[in-house]
Amino acid sequence: QDESEKLANLTDELNEALNAHIDQTLMRRVKHLGRYETKRT
């Protein structure tokens, strides 16, 4: 049971890290797109 608890905690941390990374990537992409749009007009 102890091992599965550790595994569950690790999975939670992984999911959080993944979500944070996805958020960062999306924000960067949105900012980049916004910059591109403003440059073009």
PDB file of N, CA and C in Angstrom:
ATOM      1  N   GLN A   1       0.843  -1.213   0.000  1.00  0.00           N
ATOM      2  CA  GLN A   1       0.000   0.000   0.000  1.00  0.00           C
ATOM      3  C   GLN A   1       0.877   1.261   0.000  1.00  0.00           C
ATOM      4  N   ASP A   2       2.006   1.174   0.703  1.00  0.00           N
ATOM      5  CA  ASP A   2       2.896   2.324   0.760  1.00  0.00           C
ATOM      6  C   ASP A   2       3.426   2.661  -0.631  1.00  0.00           C
ATOM      7  N   GLU A   3       3.789   1.621  -1.372  1.00  0.00           N
ATOM      8  CA  GLU A   3       4.327   1.827  -2.718  1.00  0.00           C
ATOM      9  C   GLU A   3       3.292   2.468  -3.637  1.00  0.00           C
ATOM     10  N   SER A   4       2.055   2.001  -3.563  1.00  0.00           N
ATOM     11  CA  SER A   4       1.013   2.551  -4.438  1.00  0.00           C
ATOM     12  C   SER A   4       0.714   4.005  -4.063  1.00  0.00           C
ATOM     13  N   GLU A   5       0.872   4.324  -2.778  1.00  0.00           N
ATOM     14  CA  GLU A   5       0.671   5.718  -2.359  1.00  0.00           C
ATOM     15  C   GLU A   5       1.754   6.597  -2.961  1.00  0.00           C
ATOM     16  N   LYS A   6       2.993   6.107  -2.907  1.00  0.00           N
ATOM     17  CA  LYS A   6       4.111   6.854  -3.495  1.00  0.00           C
ATOM     18  C   LYS A   6       3.871   7.057  -4.976  1.00  0.00           C
ATOM     19  N   LEU A   7       3.409   5.999  -5.625  1.00  0.00           N
ATOM     20  CA  LEU A   7       3.156   6.050  -7.063  1.00  0.00           C
ATOM     21  C   LEU A   7       2.060   7.066  -7.370  1.00  0.00           C
ATOM     22  N   ALA A   8       1.015   7.079  -6.544  1.00  0.00           N
ATOM     23  CA  ALA A   8      -0.089   8.015  -6.750  1.00  0.00           C
ATOM     24  C   ALA A   8       0.407   9.453  -6.602  1.00  0.00           C
ATOM     25  N   ASN A   9       1.236   9.683  -5.589  1.00  0.00           N
ATOM     26  CA  ASN A   9       1.782  11.029  -5.377  1.00  0.00           C
ATOM     27  C   ASN A   9       2.646  11.448  -6.554  1.00  0.00           C
ATOM     28  N   LEU A  10       3.453  10.521  -7.039  1.00  0.00           N
ATOM     29  CA  LEU A  10       4.329  10.809  -8.170  1.00  0.00           C
ATOM     30  C   LEU A  10       3.498  11.153  -9.398  1.00  0.00           C
ATOM     31  N   THR A  11       2.426  10.399  -9.603  1.00  0.00           N
ATOM     32  CA  THR A  11       1.555  10.643 -10.757  1.00  0.00           C
ATOM     33  C   THR A  11       0.923  12.025 -10.658  1.00  0.00           C
ATOM     34  N   ASP A  12       0.491  12.394  -9.460  1.00  0.00           N
ATOM     35  CA  ASP A  12      -0.103  13.719  -9.259  1.00  0.00           C
ATOM     36  C   ASP A  12       0.907  14.808  -9.599  1.00  0.00           C
ATOM     37  N   GLU A  13       2.145  14.633  -9.110  1.00  0.00           N
ATOM     38  CA  GLU A  13       3.189  15.626  -9.372  1.00  0.00           C
ATOM     39  C   GLU A  13       3.471  15.710 -10.860  1.00  0.00           C
ATOM     40  N   LEU A  14       3.512  14.549 -11.508  1.00  0.00           N
ATOM     41  CA  LEU A  14       3.759  14.512 -12.947  1.00  0.00           C
ATOM     42  C   LEU A  14       2.659  15.244 -13.694  1.00  0.00           C
ATOM     43  N   ASN A  15       1.422  14.984 -13.327  1.00  0.00           N
ATOM     44  CA  ASN A  15       0.283  15.635 -13.985  1.00  0.00           C
ATOM     45  C   ASN A  15       0.342  17.145 -13.806  1.00  0.00           C
ATOM     46  N   GLU A  16       0.676  17.581 -12.589  1.00  0.00           N
ATOM     47  CA  GLU A  16       0.766  19.018 -12.323  1.00  0.00           C
ATOM     48  C   GLU A  16       1.864  19.641 -13.174  1.00  0.00           C
ATOM     49  N   ALA A  17       3.025  18.975 -13.234  1.00  0.00           N
ATOM     50  CA  ALA A  17       4.152  19.485 -14.018  1.00  0.00           C
ATOM     51  C   ALA A  17       3.774  19.550 -15.488  1.00  0.00           C
ATOM     52  N   LEU A  18       3.081  18.508 -15.948  1.00  0.00           N
ATOM     53  CA  LEU A  18       2.674  18.446 -17.350  1.00  0.00           C
ATOM     54  C   LEU A  18       1.696  19.574 -17.669  1.00  0.00           C
ATOM     55  N   ASN A  19       0.714  19.761 -16.787  1.00  0.00           N
ATOM     56  CA  ASN A  19      -0.273  20.824 -16.993  1.00  0.00           C
ATOM     57  C   ASN A  19       0.395  22.191 -16.999  1.00  0.00           C
ATOM     58  N   ALA A  20       1.339  22.402 -16.079  1.00  0.00           N
ATOM     59  CA  ALA A  20       2.048  23.681 -16.017  1.00  0.00           C
ATOM     60  C   ALA A  20       2.822  23.902 -17.305  1.00  0.00           C
ATOM     61  N   HIS A  21       3.461  22.841 -17.799  1.00  0.00           N
ATOM     62  CA  HIS A  21       4.245  22.953 -19.031  1.00  0.00           C
ATOM     63  C   HIS A  21       3.337  23.275 -20.209  1.00  0.00           C
ATOM     64  N   ILE A  22       2.185  22.613 -20.264  1.00  0.00           N
ATOM     65  CA  ILE A  22       1.233  22.854 -21.354  1.00  0.00           C
ATOM     66  C   ILE A  22       0.732  24.297 -21.288  1.00  0.00           C
ATOM     67  N   ASP A  23       0.432  24.764 -20.067  1.00  0.00           N
ATOM     68  CA  ASP A  23      -0.026  26.148 -19.896  1.00  0.00           C
ATOM     69  C   ASP A  23       1.030  27.119 -20.406  1.00  0.00           C
ATOM     70  N   GLN A  24       2.297  26.879 -20.014  1.00  0.00           N
ATOM     71  CA  GLN A  24       3.386  27.753 -20.445  1.00  0.00           C
ATOM     72  C   GLN A  24       3.501  27.765 -21.952  1.00  0.00           C
ATOM     73  N   THR A  25       3.447  26.580 -22.547  1.00  0.00           N
ATOM     74  CA  THR A  25       3.588  26.478 -24.001  1.00  0.00           C
ATOM     75  C   THR A  25       2.450  27.204 -24.701  1.00  0.00           C
ATOM     76  N   LEU A  26       1.228  27.012 -24.208  1.00  0.00           N
ATOM     77  CA  LEU A  26       0.072  27.678 -24.812  1.00  0.00           C
ATOM     78  C   LEU A  26       0.188  29.190 -24.682  1.00  0.00           C
ATOM     79  N   MET A  27       0.567  29.656 -23.486  1.00  0.00           N
ATOM     80  CA  MET A  27       0.703  31.091 -23.269  1.00  0.00           C
ATOM     81  C   MET A  27       1.745  31.669 -24.212  1.00  0.00           C
ATOM     82  N   ARG A  28       2.872  30.950 -24.353  1.00  0.00           N
ATOM     83  CA  ARG A  28       3.936  31.426 -25.220  1.00  0.00           C
ATOM     84  C   ARG A  28       3.443  31.501 -26.655  1.00  0.00           C
ATOM     85  N   ARG A  29       2.696  30.453 -27.063  1.00  0.00           N
ATOM     86  CA  ARG A  29       2.191  30.402 -28.431  1.00  0.00           C
ATOM     87  C   ARG A  29       1.200  31.540 -28.666  1.00  0.00           C
ATOM     88  N   VAL A  30       0.326  31.781 -27.683  1.00  0.00           N
ATOM     89  CA  VAL A  30      -0.677  32.841 -27.802  1.00  0.00           C
ATOM     90  C   VAL A  30       0.012  34.201 -27.892  1.00  0.00           C
ATOM     91  N   LYS A  31       1.017  34.403 -27.023  1.00  0.00           N
ATOM     92  CA  LYS A  31       1.754  35.668 -27.046  1.00  0.00           C
ATOM     93  C   LYS A  31       2.435  35.846 -28.389  1.00  0.00           C
ATOM     94  N   HIS A  32       3.039  34.779 -28.881  1.00  0.00           N
ATOM     95  CA  HIS A  32       3.747  34.834 -30.160  1.00  0.00           C
ATOM     96  C   HIS A  32       2.770  35.149 -31.290  1.00  0.00           C
ATOM     97  N   LEU A  33       1.631  34.488 -31.273  1.00  0.00           N
ATOM     98  CA  LEU A  33       0.612  34.741 -32.294  1.00  0.00           C
ATOM     99  C   LEU A  33       0.143  36.186 -32.223  1.00  0.00           C
ATOM    100  N   GLY A  34      -0.074  36.671 -31.006  1.00  0.00           N
ATOM    101  CA  GLY A  34      -0.519  38.045 -30.820  1.00  0.00           C
ATOM    102  C   GLY A  34       0.494  39.026 -31.375  1.00  0.00           C
ATOM    103  N   ARG A  35       1.767  38.756 -31.114  1.00  0.00           N
ATOM    104  CA  ARG A  35       2.833  39.611 -31.605  1.00  0.00           C
ATOM    105  C   ARG A  35       2.857  39.589 -33.129  1.00  0.00           C
ATOM    106  N   TYR A  36       2.683  38.383 -33.669  1.00  0.00           N
ATOM    107  CA  TYR A  36       2.700  38.219 -35.121  1.00  0.00           C
ATOM    108  C   TYR A  36       1.550  38.993 -35.760  1.00  0.00           C
ATOM    109  N   GLU A  37       0.380  38.886 -35.133  1.00  0.00           N
ATOM    110  CA  GLU A  37      -0.800  39.582 -35.655  1.00  0.00           C
ATOM    111  C   GLU A  37      -0.586  41.096 -35.644  1.00  0.00           C
ATOM    112  N   THR A  38      -0.043  41.620 -34.544  1.00  0.00           N
ATOM    113  CA  THR A  38       0.138  43.067 -34.437  1.00  0.00           C
ATOM    114  C   THR A  38       1.203  43.543 -35.417  1.00  0.00           C
ATOM    115  N   LYS A  39       2.228  42.729 -35.639  1.00  0.00           N
ATOM    116  CA  LYS A  39       3.275  43.107 -36.587  1.00  0.00           C
ATOM    117  C   LYS A  39       2.712  43.186 -37.997  1.00  0.00           C
ATOM    118  N   ARG A  40       1.831  42.231 -38.316  1.00  0.00           N
ATOM    119  CA  ARG A  40       1.325  42.130 -39.679  1.00  0.00           C
ATOM    120  C   ARG A  40       0.413  43.299 -40.030  1.00  0.00           C
ATOM    121  N   THR A  41      -0.317  43.814 -39.055  1.00  0.00           N
ATOM    122  CA  THR A  41      -1.296  44.854 -39.378  1.00  0.00           C
ATOM    123  C   THR A  41      -0.676  46.236 -39.434  1.00  0.00           C
TER     124      THR A  41
END
